[in-house]
Amino acid sequence: MQVLKDRYTITELSQSLSITDHALRYYEKEFNMYVPKDKRGRRYYTPDLANIMYQIKNMRDEGLEIKAIKKILKPEIELISPQPEENKDANSLTHINEKNNALEIQKFFQDFGEKIVDSFSTTVTNAKEDITTEIYKTKLELGACVENNMRKFEGKMEKHFENVDKSLAMWREKNSGNFFKKLTKKVFKKV
């Protein structure tokens, strides 16, 4: 394979080799290859890794089994595939050997504990801020909803009392002359 770039994305490499992304990930796993990732966590293939993948594809196309390809390419893969940085951490337990004393082991676990506490503290603080923001938003929305419903209720009550006033006015008008008529009838009946 002719190398034209200094790094390939998984999609670019799969297209240039005419295989699927899944096949590339499968080969990574089967051949125990470390594929670096960029800051966003997306894997990228160096020219050496791209050439190894090309060789694997060609050998598979020729009918070779994975086991045989592993034996053929093992030296090349070990040379170009460095281990991830997290395994090289100076604070890891792999660097504490039998010669190290208990104080170094204790310091490692103390540092580890502090990192966990910091991580949890940050997570809890962020969650608290998110919850506080959501409660505030909900409070504002609820307040606006209550205010809107109160305006609607006040409008309905106003219409109701207007109707009651109209009904009373009509009743008074209808019955205002009747009182005097009834009184005069009672007076003239007695006479």
C-alpha atoms as a PDB file:
ATOM      1  CA  MET A   1       0.000   0.000   0.000  1.00  0.00           C
ATOM      2  CA  GLN A   2       1.319   3.376  -0.921  1.00  0.00           C
ATOM      3  CA  VAL A   3       1.289   5.757   2.033  1.00  0.00           C
ATOM      4  CA  LEU A   4       0.051   9.188   1.086  1.00  0.00           C
ATOM      5  CA  LYS A   5      -0.826  10.607   4.520  1.00  0.00           C
ATOM      6  CA  ASP A   6       0.758  10.700   7.942  1.00  0.00           C
ATOM      7  CA  ARG A   7      -2.483   9.496   9.594  1.00  0.00           C
ATOM      8  CA  TYR A   8      -5.714   7.844   8.506  1.00  0.00           C
ATOM      9  CA  THR A   9      -9.111   7.806  10.141  1.00  0.00           C
ATOM     10  CA  ILE A  10     -10.812   4.437  10.409  1.00  0.00           C
ATOM     11  CA  THR A  11     -13.183   5.376   7.578  1.00  0.00           C
ATOM     12  CA  GLU A  12     -10.387   6.528   5.269  1.00  0.00           C
ATOM     13  CA  LEU A  13      -8.365   3.369   5.863  1.00  0.00           C
ATOM     14  CA  SER A  14     -11.331   1.048   5.464  1.00  0.00           C
ATOM     15  CA  GLN A  15     -12.248   2.730   2.170  1.00  0.00           C
ATOM     16  CA  SER A  16      -8.699   2.586   0.804  1.00  0.00           C
ATOM     17  CA  LEU A  17      -8.412  -1.123   1.748  1.00  0.00           C
ATOM     18  CA  SER A  18     -11.990  -1.926   0.614  1.00  0.00           C
ATOM     19  CA  ILE A  19     -12.916  -3.508   3.951  1.00  0.00           C
ATOM     20  CA  THR A  20     -15.365  -2.515   6.666  1.00  0.00           C
ATOM     21  CA  ASP A  21     -14.624  -0.493   9.796  1.00  0.00           C
ATOM     22  CA  HIS A  22     -15.708  -3.561  11.740  1.00  0.00           C
ATOM     23  CA  ALA A  23     -12.992  -5.649  10.056  1.00  0.00           C
ATOM     24  CA  LEU A  24     -10.322  -3.097  11.059  1.00  0.00           C
ATOM     25  CA  ARG A  25     -11.476  -3.155  14.681  1.00  0.00           C
ATOM     26  CA  TYR A  26     -11.542  -6.952  14.581  1.00  0.00           C
ATOM     27  CA  TYR A  27      -7.947  -7.074  13.310  1.00  0.00           C
ATOM     28  CA  GLU A  28      -6.868  -4.600  16.012  1.00  0.00           C
ATOM     29  CA  LYS A  29      -8.329  -6.870  18.656  1.00  0.00           C
ATOM     30  CA  GLU A  30      -7.096 -10.150  17.174  1.00  0.00           C
ATOM     31  CA  PHE A  31      -3.551  -8.905  16.596  1.00  0.00           C
ATOM     32  CA  ASN A  32      -3.466  -7.027  19.905  1.00  0.00           C
ATOM     33  CA  MET A  33      -2.522  -3.767  18.188  1.00  0.00           C
ATOM     34  CA  TYR A  34      -2.556  -0.465  19.963  1.00  0.00           C
ATOM     35  CA  VAL A  35      -4.163   2.177  17.744  1.00  0.00           C
ATOM     36  CA  PRO A  36      -3.684   5.718  19.080  1.00  0.00           C
ATOM     37  CA  LYS A  37      -6.600   8.093  19.517  1.00  0.00           C
ATOM     38  CA  ASP A  38      -6.800  11.826  18.979  1.00  0.00           C
ATOM     39  CA  LYS A  39      -7.995  14.366  21.564  1.00  0.00           C
ATOM     40  CA  ARG A  40     -11.617  13.595  20.701  1.00  0.00           C
ATOM     41  CA  GLY A  41     -11.090   9.879  21.286  1.00  0.00           C
ATOM     42  CA  ARG A  42     -11.226   8.875  17.616  1.00  0.00           C
ATOM     43  CA  ARG A  43      -8.682   6.287  16.478  1.00  0.00           C
ATOM     44  CA  TYR A  44      -6.181   7.155  13.797  1.00  0.00           C
ATOM     45  CA  TYR A  45      -3.792   4.914  11.954  1.00  0.00           C
ATOM     46  CA  THR A  46      -0.139   5.770  11.410  1.00  0.00           C
ATOM     47  CA  PRO A  47       1.485   4.782   8.094  1.00  0.00           C
ATOM     48  CA  ASP A  48       3.057   1.737   9.787  1.00  0.00           C
ATOM     49  CA  LEU A  49      -0.308   0.589  11.159  1.00  0.00           C
ATOM     50  CA  ALA A  50      -1.944   1.202   7.782  1.00  0.00           C
ATOM     51  CA  ASN A  51       0.719  -0.952   6.092  1.00  0.00           C
ATOM     52  CA  ILE A  52       0.203  -3.763   8.644  1.00  0.00           C
ATOM     53  CA  MET A  53      -3.548  -3.654   7.982  1.00  0.00           C
ATOM     54  CA  TYR A  54      -2.823  -3.804   4.241  1.00  0.00           C
ATOM     55  CA  GLN A  55      -0.638  -6.893   4.740  1.00  0.00           C
ATOM     56  CA  ILE A  56      -3.308  -8.572   6.894  1.00  0.00           C
ATOM     57  CA  LYS A  57      -5.968  -7.896   4.260  1.00  0.00           C
ATOM     58  CA  ASN A  58      -3.762  -9.289   1.458  1.00  0.00           C
ATOM     59  CA  MET A  59      -2.934 -12.436   3.447  1.00  0.00           C
ATOM     60  CA  ARG A  60      -6.622 -12.954   4.282  1.00  0.00           C
ATOM     61  CA  ASP A  61      -7.484 -12.508   0.583  1.00  0.00           C
ATOM     62  CA  GLU A  62      -4.905 -15.220  -0.206  1.00  0.00           C
ATOM     63  CA  GLY A  63      -6.711 -17.539   2.204  1.00  0.00           C
ATOM     64  CA  LEU A  64      -4.353 -17.518   5.199  1.00  0.00           C
ATOM     65  CA  GLU A  65      -5.855 -18.108   8.642  1.00  0.00           C
ATOM     66  CA  ILE A  66      -5.589 -15.467  11.377  1.00  0.00           C
ATOM     67  CA  LYS A  67      -3.358 -17.804  13.421  1.00  0.00           C
ATOM     68  CA  ALA A  68      -0.810 -18.060  10.583  1.00  0.00           C
ATOM     69  CA  ILE A  69      -0.881 -14.312   9.923  1.00  0.00           C
ATOM     70  CA  LYS A  70      -0.233 -13.648  13.624  1.00  0.00           C
ATOM     71  CA  LYS A  71       2.914 -15.781  13.477  1.00  0.00           C
ATOM     72  CA  ILE A  72       4.141 -14.046  10.317  1.00  0.00           C
ATOM     73  CA  LEU A  73       3.458 -10.466  11.447  1.00  0.00           C
ATOM     74  CA  LYS A  74       4.141 -10.781  15.186  1.00  0.00           C
ATOM     75  CA  PRO A  75       7.620  -9.168  15.052  1.00  0.00           C
ATOM     76  CA  GLU A  76       6.390  -6.243  12.956  1.00  0.00           C
ATOM     77  CA  ILE A  77       3.349  -5.622  15.129  1.00  0.00           C
ATOM     78  CA  GLU A  78       5.418  -5.667  18.326  1.00  0.00           C
ATOM     79  CA  LEU A  79       7.831  -3.126  16.854  1.00  0.00           C
ATOM     80  CA  ILE A  80       5.245  -0.575  15.723  1.00  0.00           C
ATOM     81  CA  SER A  81       2.554  -0.976  18.344  1.00  0.00           C
ATOM     82  CA  PRO A  82       3.565   0.827  21.556  1.00  0.00           C
ATOM     83  CA  GLN A  83       1.445   0.298  24.647  1.00  0.00           C
ATOM     84  CA  PRO A  84      -1.011   2.991  25.656  1.00  0.00           C
ATOM     85  CA  GLU A  85       0.286   5.795  27.864  1.00  0.00           C
ATOM     86  CA  GLU A  86      -1.856   4.824  30.836  1.00  0.00           C
ATOM     87  CA  ASN A  87       0.205   1.634  31.264  1.00  0.00           C
ATOM     88  CA  LYS A  88       3.394   3.695  31.427  1.00  0.00           C
ATOM     89  CA  ASP A  89       2.165   5.842  34.314  1.00  0.00           C
ATOM     90  CA  ALA A  90       4.834   6.210  36.978  1.00  0.00           C
ATOM     91  CA  ASN A  91       2.124   6.064  39.635  1.00  0.00           C
ATOM     92  CA  SER A  92       0.857   2.654  38.567  1.00  0.00           C
ATOM     93  CA  LEU A  93       1.298  -0.447  40.679  1.00  0.00           C
ATOM     94  CA  THR A  94       3.354  -2.122  37.933  1.00  0.00           C
ATOM     95  CA  HIS A  95       6.274   0.150  38.828  1.00  0.00           C
ATOM     96  CA  ILE A  96       6.132  -0.860  42.466  1.00  0.00           C
ATOM     97  CA  ASN A  97       8.191  -4.009  42.743  1.00  0.00           C
ATOM     98  CA  GLU A  98       9.373  -6.131  45.603  1.00  0.00           C
ATOM     99  CA  LYS A  99      12.234  -3.737  46.357  1.00  0.00           C
ATOM    100  CA  ASN A 100       9.889  -0.843  46.983  1.00  0.00           C
ATOM    101  CA  ASN A 101       8.872  -0.362  50.521  1.00  0.00           C
ATOM    102  CA  ALA A 102       5.466  -0.077  52.136  1.00  0.00           C
ATOM    103  CA  LEU A 103       5.669   3.723  52.192  1.00  0.00           C
ATOM    104  CA  GLU A 104       5.685   3.910  48.390  1.00  0.00           C
ATOM    105  CA  ILE A 105       2.708   1.560  48.190  1.00  0.00           C
ATOM    106  CA  GLN A 106       0.907   3.599  50.826  1.00  0.00           C
ATOM    107  CA  LYS A 107       1.691   6.812  48.896  1.00  0.00           C
ATOM    108  CA  PHE A 108       0.349   5.266  45.697  1.00  0.00           C
ATOM    109  CA  PHE A 109      -2.975   4.397  47.349  1.00  0.00           C
ATOM    110  CA  GLN A 110      -3.132   7.782  49.054  1.00  0.00           C
ATOM    111  CA  ASP A 111      -2.640   9.547  45.690  1.00  0.00           C
ATOM    112  CA  PHE A 112      -5.170   7.216  44.109  1.00  0.00           C
ATOM    113  CA  GLY A 113      -7.667   7.991  46.887  1.00  0.00           C
ATOM    114  CA  GLU A 114      -7.158  11.730  46.428  1.00  0.00           C
ATOM    115  CA  LYS A 115      -7.757  11.406  42.679  1.00  0.00           C
ATOM    116  CA  ILE A 116     -10.976   9.499  43.309  1.00  0.00           C
ATOM    117  CA  VAL A 117     -12.159  12.064  45.872  1.00  0.00           C
ATOM    118  CA  ASP A 118     -11.361  14.915  43.458  1.00  0.00           C
ATOM    119  CA  SER A 119     -13.176  13.124  40.667  1.00  0.00           C
ATOM    120  CA  PHE A 120     -16.261  12.484  42.803  1.00  0.00           C
ATOM    121  CA  SER A 121     -16.172  16.004  44.186  1.00  0.00           C
ATOM    122  CA  THR A 122     -16.106  17.470  40.682  1.00  0.00           C
ATOM    123  CA  THR A 123     -18.897  15.169  39.541  1.00  0.00           C
ATOM    124  CA  VAL A 124     -21.069  15.989  42.557  1.00  0.00           C
ATOM    125  CA  THR A 125     -20.446  19.729  42.183  1.00  0.00           C
ATOM    126  CA  ASN A 126     -21.383  19.610  38.498  1.00  0.00           C
ATOM    127  CA  ALA A 127     -24.490  17.557  39.252  1.00  0.00           C
ATOM    128  CA  LYS A 128     -25.475  19.994  42.020  1.00  0.00           C
ATOM    129  CA  GLU A 129     -25.100  22.957  39.656  1.00  0.00           C
ATOM    130  CA  ASP A 130     -27.142  21.182  36.972  1.00  0.00           C
ATOM    131  CA  ILE A 131     -29.899  20.319  39.441  1.00  0.00           C
ATOM    132  CA  THR A 132     -29.956  23.866  40.840  1.00  0.00           C
ATOM    133  CA  THR A 133     -30.241  25.279  37.321  1.00  0.00           C
ATOM    134  CA  GLU A 134     -33.067  22.872  36.474  1.00  0.00           C
ATOM    135  CA  ILE A 135     -34.937  23.689  39.703  1.00  0.00           C
ATOM    136  CA  TYR A 136     -34.614  27.420  38.991  1.00  0.00           C
ATOM    137  CA  LYS A 137     -35.901  26.965  35.420  1.00  0.00           C
ATOM    138  CA  THR A 138     -38.787  24.828  36.682  1.00  0.00           C
ATOM    139  CA  LYS A 139     -39.604  27.427  39.347  1.00  0.00           C
ATOM    140  CA  LEU A 140     -39.757  30.176  36.705  1.00  0.00           C
ATOM    141  CA  GLU A 141     -41.905  28.048  34.397  1.00  0.00           C
ATOM    142  CA  LEU A 142     -44.238  27.097  37.251  1.00  0.00           C
ATOM    143  CA  GLY A 143     -44.516  30.731  38.359  1.00  0.00           C
ATOM    144  CA  ALA A 144     -45.383  31.828  34.827  1.00  0.00           C
ATOM    145  CA  CYS A 145     -47.953  29.036  34.563  1.00  0.00           C
ATOM    146  CA  VAL A 146     -49.598  29.986  37.891  1.00  0.00           C
ATOM    147  CA  GLU A 147     -49.649  33.660  36.897  1.00  0.00           C
ATOM    148  CA  ASN A 148     -51.252  32.827  33.546  1.00  0.00           C
ATOM    149  CA  ASN A 149     -53.897  30.633  35.211  1.00  0.00           C
ATOM    150  CA  MET A 150     -54.659  33.360  37.786  1.00  0.00           C
ATOM    151  CA  ARG A 151     -55.246  35.878  34.977  1.00  0.00           C
ATOM    152  CA  LYS A 152     -57.599  33.429  33.258  1.00  0.00           C
ATOM    153  CA  PHE A 153     -59.424  32.740  36.550  1.00  0.00           C
ATOM    154  CA  GLU A 154     -59.772  36.468  37.316  1.00  0.00           C
ATOM    155  CA  GLY A 155     -61.156  37.048  33.809  1.00  0.00           C
ATOM    156  CA  LYS A 156     -63.721  34.270  34.242  1.00  0.00           C
ATOM    157  CA  MET A 157     -64.725  35.569  37.691  1.00  0.00           C
ATOM    158  CA  GLU A 158     -65.164  39.074  36.311  1.00  0.00           C
ATOM    159  CA  LYS A 159     -67.461  37.772  33.545  1.00  0.00           C
ATOM    160  CA  HIS A 160     -69.391  35.735  36.112  1.00  0.00           C
ATOM    161  CA  PHE A 161     -69.975  38.731  38.372  1.00  0.00           C
ATOM    162  CA  GLU A 162     -70.991  40.854  35.365  1.00  0.00           C
ATOM    163  CA  ASN A 163     -73.598  38.207  34.488  1.00  0.00           C
ATOM    164  CA  VAL A 164     -74.807  38.134  38.107  1.00  0.00           C
ATOM    165  CA  ASP A 165     -75.117  41.952  38.108  1.00  0.00           C
ATOM    166  CA  LYS A 166     -77.065  41.859  34.818  1.00  0.00           C
ATOM    167  CA  SER A 167     -79.372  39.157  36.150  1.00  0.00           C
ATOM    168  CA  LEU A 168     -80.033  41.130  39.364  1.00  0.00           C
ATOM    169  CA  ALA A 169     -80.652  44.302  37.378  1.00  0.00           C
ATOM    170  CA  MET A 170     -83.156  42.492  35.153  1.00  0.00           C
ATOM    171  CA  TRP A 171     -84.900  40.972  38.168  1.00  0.00           C
ATOM    172  CA  ARG A 172     -85.123  44.353  39.908  1.00  0.00           C
ATOM    173  CA  GLU A 173     -86.509  45.979  36.781  1.00  0.00           C
ATOM    174  CA  LYS A 174     -89.037  43.233  36.341  1.00  0.00           C
ATOM    175  CA  ASN A 175     -90.119  43.193  39.964  1.00  0.00           C
ATOM    176  CA  SER A 176     -89.795  46.872  40.942  1.00  0.00           C
ATOM    177  CA  GLY A 177     -93.317  47.890  39.762  1.00  0.00           C
ATOM    178  CA  ASN A 178     -94.955  44.733  41.101  1.00  0.00           C
ATOM    179  CA  PHE A 179     -94.374  45.646  44.753  1.00  0.00           C
ATOM    180  CA  PHE A 180     -96.485  48.783  44.498  1.00  0.00           C
ATOM    181  CA  LYS A 181     -99.146  47.024  42.459  1.00  0.00           C
ATOM    182  CA  LYS A 182     -99.442  44.262  45.045  1.00  0.00           C
ATOM    183  CA  LEU A 183     -99.584  46.820  47.860  1.00  0.00           C
ATOM    184  CA  THR A 184    -102.306  48.851  46.210  1.00  0.00           C
ATOM    185  CA  LYS A 185    -104.325  45.706  45.468  1.00  0.00           C
ATOM    186  CA  LYS A 186    -104.118  44.670  49.105  1.00  0.00           C
ATOM    187  CA  VAL A 187    -105.122  48.127  50.276  1.00  0.00           C
ATOM    188  CA  PHE A 188    -108.056  48.409  47.859  1.00  0.00           C
ATOM    189  CA  LYS A 189    -109.247  44.896  48.588  1.00  0.00           C
ATOM    190  CA  LYS A 190    -109.645  45.720  52.239  1.00  0.00           C
ATOM    191  CA  VAL A 191    -111.586  48.825  51.475  1.00  0.00           C
END
